[in-house]
Amino acid sequence: MLKILRYVLSVITLLFVSYGLITKDFKFGNSMFLFFGLTMLVLGIEEIQRERKVMGGLLIAVFFFSIYVSIEGLLIS
């Protein structure tokens, strides 16, 4: 289940990044950070399940930071 979710979120993030790079229009940047954060959360949960707690903790910290950036960007814009 987590593997499928990881792939789906990664593809969505890649689509947002590709759109921004190709068109030079970054209006979906906050959404990109949101899906990037969710991808990092899934990766962190997978690492914790594999007993790699330090790496999982770092990935979850990246999740919190990217969610913060995404929410702040949505509130400012």
N, C-alpha and C. Protein backbone atom coordinates (compact mmCIF):
# COMPACT_ATOMS: atom_id res chain seq x y z
N MET A 1 0.82 -1.20 0.00
CA MET A 1 0.00 0.00 0.00
C MET A 1 0.87 1.26 0.00
N LEU A 2 1.87 1.29 0.90
CA LEU A 2 2.73 2.47 0.96
C LEU A 2 3.56 2.62 -0.31
N LYS A 3 3.92 1.50 -0.92
CA LYS A 3 4.72 1.56 -2.14
C LYS A 3 3.92 2.22 -3.27
N ILE A 4 2.66 1.84 -3.40
CA ILE A 4 1.81 2.44 -4.44
C ILE A 4 1.60 3.92 -4.16
N LEU A 5 1.34 4.26 -2.89
CA LEU A 5 1.15 5.65 -2.51
C LEU A 5 2.40 6.47 -2.78
N ARG A 6 3.57 5.89 -2.50
CA ARG A 6 4.83 6.58 -2.77
C ARG A 6 4.98 6.88 -4.25
N TYR A 7 4.67 5.91 -5.11
CA TYR A 7 4.79 6.12 -6.54
C TYR A 7 3.80 7.16 -7.05
N VAL A 8 2.58 7.10 -6.57
CA VAL A 8 1.56 8.06 -7.01
C VAL A 8 1.95 9.48 -6.61
N LEU A 9 2.36 9.66 -5.35
CA LEU A 9 2.74 11.00 -4.89
C LEU A 9 3.99 11.50 -5.61
N SER A 10 4.92 10.61 -5.89
CA SER A 10 6.13 11.01 -6.61
C SER A 10 5.81 11.46 -8.03
N VAL A 11 4.91 10.77 -8.69
CA VAL A 11 4.53 11.16 -10.06
C VAL A 11 3.82 12.50 -10.05
N ILE A 12 2.92 12.71 -9.08
CA ILE A 12 2.22 13.99 -9.00
C ILE A 12 3.21 15.12 -8.75
N THR A 13 4.17 14.91 -7.85
CA THR A 13 5.19 15.92 -7.59
C THR A 13 6.01 16.19 -8.84
N LEU A 14 6.39 15.14 -9.53
CA LEU A 14 7.17 15.29 -10.76
C LEU A 14 6.40 16.07 -11.82
N LEU A 15 5.11 15.85 -11.91
CA LEU A 15 4.30 16.60 -12.88
C LEU A 15 4.26 18.09 -12.55
N PHE A 16 4.09 18.42 -11.26
CA PHE A 16 4.08 19.83 -10.87
C PHE A 16 5.43 20.48 -11.14
N VAL A 17 6.51 19.78 -10.83
CA VAL A 17 7.86 20.33 -11.06
C VAL A 17 8.11 20.51 -12.55
N SER A 18 7.74 19.51 -13.34
CA SER A 18 7.94 19.59 -14.79
C SER A 18 7.15 20.74 -15.39
N TYR A 19 5.91 20.92 -14.96
CA TYR A 19 5.10 22.02 -15.45
C TYR A 19 5.77 23.36 -15.14
N GLY A 20 6.26 23.51 -13.91
CA GLY A 20 6.90 24.76 -13.53
C GLY A 20 8.17 25.03 -14.31
N LEU A 21 8.96 23.99 -14.53
CA LEU A 21 10.22 24.18 -15.26
C LEU A 21 9.99 24.45 -16.74
N ILE A 22 9.03 23.80 -17.33
CA ILE A 22 8.79 23.97 -18.76
C ILE A 22 8.14 25.31 -19.06
N THR A 23 7.14 25.70 -18.28
CA THR A 23 6.40 26.93 -18.57
C THR A 23 6.95 28.15 -17.85
N LYS A 24 7.86 27.96 -16.91
CA LYS A 24 8.41 29.04 -16.08
C LYS A 24 7.31 29.74 -15.28
N ASP A 25 6.24 29.01 -15.03
CA ASP A 25 5.11 29.51 -14.26
C ASP A 25 5.02 28.68 -12.98
N PHE A 26 5.33 29.31 -11.85
CA PHE A 26 5.43 28.57 -10.60
C PHE A 26 4.22 28.80 -9.70
N LYS A 27 3.05 28.97 -10.29
CA LYS A 27 1.86 29.21 -9.47
C LYS A 27 1.43 27.94 -8.72
N PHE A 28 1.90 26.79 -9.13
CA PHE A 28 1.58 25.55 -8.44
C PHE A 28 2.71 25.11 -7.51
N GLY A 29 3.58 26.02 -7.16
CA GLY A 29 4.71 25.68 -6.30
C GLY A 29 4.29 25.21 -4.92
N ASN A 30 3.25 25.82 -4.37
CA ASN A 30 2.79 25.40 -3.05
C ASN A 30 2.22 23.99 -3.09
N SER A 31 1.51 23.66 -4.15
CA SER A 31 0.99 22.30 -4.30
C SER A 31 2.13 21.31 -4.47
N MET A 32 3.16 21.72 -5.18
CA MET A 32 4.32 20.86 -5.36
C MET A 32 4.96 20.55 -4.01
N PHE A 33 5.12 21.58 -3.17
CA PHE A 33 5.70 21.35 -1.86
C PHE A 33 4.81 20.47 -0.99
N LEU A 34 3.50 20.62 -1.14
CA LEU A 34 2.57 19.78 -0.38
C LEU A 34 2.74 18.31 -0.76
N PHE A 35 2.75 18.00 -2.05
CA PHE A 35 2.91 16.62 -2.47
C PHE A 35 4.32 16.09 -2.21
N PHE A 36 5.32 16.97 -2.27
CA PHE A 36 6.67 16.56 -1.91
C PHE A 36 6.73 16.17 -0.43
N GLY A 37 6.08 16.97 0.41
CA GLY A 37 6.04 16.66 1.83
C GLY A 37 5.33 15.34 2.11
N LEU A 38 4.22 15.11 1.43
CA LEU A 38 3.51 13.85 1.62
C LEU A 38 4.35 12.66 1.15
N THR A 39 5.11 12.86 0.08
CA THR A 39 6.02 11.80 -0.37
C THR A 39 7.08 11.52 0.69
N MET A 40 7.63 12.57 1.29
CA MET A 40 8.63 12.38 2.34
C MET A 40 8.03 11.69 3.56
N LEU A 41 6.77 11.98 3.87
CA LEU A 41 6.11 11.30 4.99
C LEU A 41 6.00 9.81 4.73
N VAL A 42 5.57 9.44 3.53
CA VAL A 42 5.45 8.02 3.19
C VAL A 42 6.82 7.35 3.24
N LEU A 43 7.84 8.01 2.70
CA LEU A 43 9.20 7.46 2.75
C LEU A 43 9.67 7.31 4.19
N GLY A 44 9.36 8.28 5.04
CA GLY A 44 9.74 8.20 6.45
C GLY A 44 9.07 7.05 7.16
N ILE A 45 7.80 6.84 6.89
CA ILE A 45 7.08 5.71 7.50
C ILE A 45 7.68 4.38 7.03
N GLU A 46 8.01 4.29 5.75
CA GLU A 46 8.64 3.07 5.24
C GLU A 46 9.98 2.81 5.91
N GLU A 47 10.77 3.86 6.10
CA GLU A 47 12.08 3.69 6.74
C GLU A 47 11.93 3.27 8.21
N ILE A 48 10.96 3.82 8.90
CA ILE A 48 10.73 3.43 10.29
C ILE A 48 10.29 1.97 10.36
N GLN A 49 9.48 1.53 9.42
CA GLN A 49 9.06 0.13 9.39
C GLN A 49 10.23 -0.80 9.10
N ARG A 50 11.25 -0.31 8.40
CA ARG A 50 12.45 -1.11 8.11
C ARG A 50 13.47 -1.03 9.24
N GLU A 51 13.07 -0.45 10.37
CA GLU A 51 13.96 -0.30 11.54
C GLU A 51 15.11 0.66 11.30
N ARG A 52 14.95 1.59 10.39
CA ARG A 52 15.95 2.64 10.17
C ARG A 52 15.36 3.94 10.70
N LYS A 53 15.38 4.05 12.02
CA LYS A 53 14.65 5.11 12.71
C LYS A 53 15.24 6.50 12.48
N VAL A 54 16.55 6.62 12.38
CA VAL A 54 17.17 7.94 12.20
C VAL A 54 16.80 8.52 10.84
N MET A 55 16.94 7.71 9.80
CA MET A 55 16.58 8.18 8.46
C MET A 55 15.09 8.47 8.37
N GLY A 56 14.28 7.63 8.99
CA GLY A 56 12.84 7.87 9.01
C GLY A 56 12.50 9.15 9.72
N GLY A 57 13.18 9.43 10.83
CA GLY A 57 12.95 10.67 11.56
C GLY A 57 13.34 11.89 10.75
N LEU A 58 14.45 11.81 10.02
CA LEU A 58 14.87 12.93 9.17
C LEU A 58 13.86 13.17 8.05
N LEU A 59 13.36 12.12 7.45
CA LEU A 59 12.37 12.28 6.38
C LEU A 59 11.07 12.87 6.91
N ILE A 60 10.68 12.49 8.10
CA ILE A 60 9.47 13.07 8.69
C ILE A 60 9.71 14.54 9.05
N ALA A 61 10.92 14.89 9.46
CA ALA A 61 11.24 16.30 9.72
C ALA A 61 11.16 17.11 8.42
N VAL A 62 11.63 16.54 7.32
CA VAL A 62 11.51 17.20 6.01
C VAL A 62 10.04 17.37 5.65
N PHE A 63 9.22 16.37 5.98
CA PHE A 63 7.78 16.46 5.76
C PHE A 63 7.20 17.67 6.48
N PHE A 64 7.52 17.82 7.77
CA PHE A 64 6.97 18.94 8.54
C PHE A 64 7.42 20.28 7.97
N PHE A 65 8.69 20.37 7.56
CA PHE A 65 9.20 21.62 7.00
C PHE A 65 8.51 21.96 5.69
N SER A 66 8.35 20.97 4.81
CA SER A 66 7.73 21.26 3.51
C SER A 66 6.24 21.56 3.66
N ILE A 67 5.57 20.94 4.62
CA ILE A 67 4.17 21.27 4.88
C ILE A 67 4.06 22.70 5.40
N TYR A 68 5.00 23.08 6.27
CA TYR A 68 5.03 24.46 6.78
C TYR A 68 5.20 25.46 5.63
N VAL A 69 6.14 25.19 4.74
CA VAL A 69 6.40 26.07 3.60
C VAL A 69 5.17 26.14 2.70
N SER A 70 4.54 25.02 2.48
CA SER A 70 3.35 24.98 1.62
C SER A 70 2.21 25.80 2.22
N ILE A 71 1.94 25.60 3.50
CA ILE A 71 0.84 26.33 4.15
C ILE A 71 1.16 27.82 4.22
N GLU A 72 2.39 28.16 4.53
CA GLU A 72 2.77 29.57 4.57
C GLU A 72 2.62 30.22 3.20
N GLY A 73 3.01 29.50 2.15
CA GLY A 73 2.85 30.04 0.80
C GLY A 73 1.40 30.22 0.42
N LEU A 74 0.55 29.31 0.84
CA LEU A 74 -0.88 29.44 0.54
C LEU A 74 -1.49 30.62 1.29
N LEU A 75 -1.05 30.85 2.51
CA LEU A 75 -1.61 31.96 3.30
C LEU A 75 -1.12 33.32 2.80
N ILE A 76 0.11 33.39 2.31
CA ILE A 76 0.66 34.65 1.85
C ILE A 76 0.10 35.03 0.47
N SER A 77 -0.01 34.04 -0.40
CA SER A 77 -0.45 34.36 -1.79
C SER A 77 -1.93 34.44 -1.94
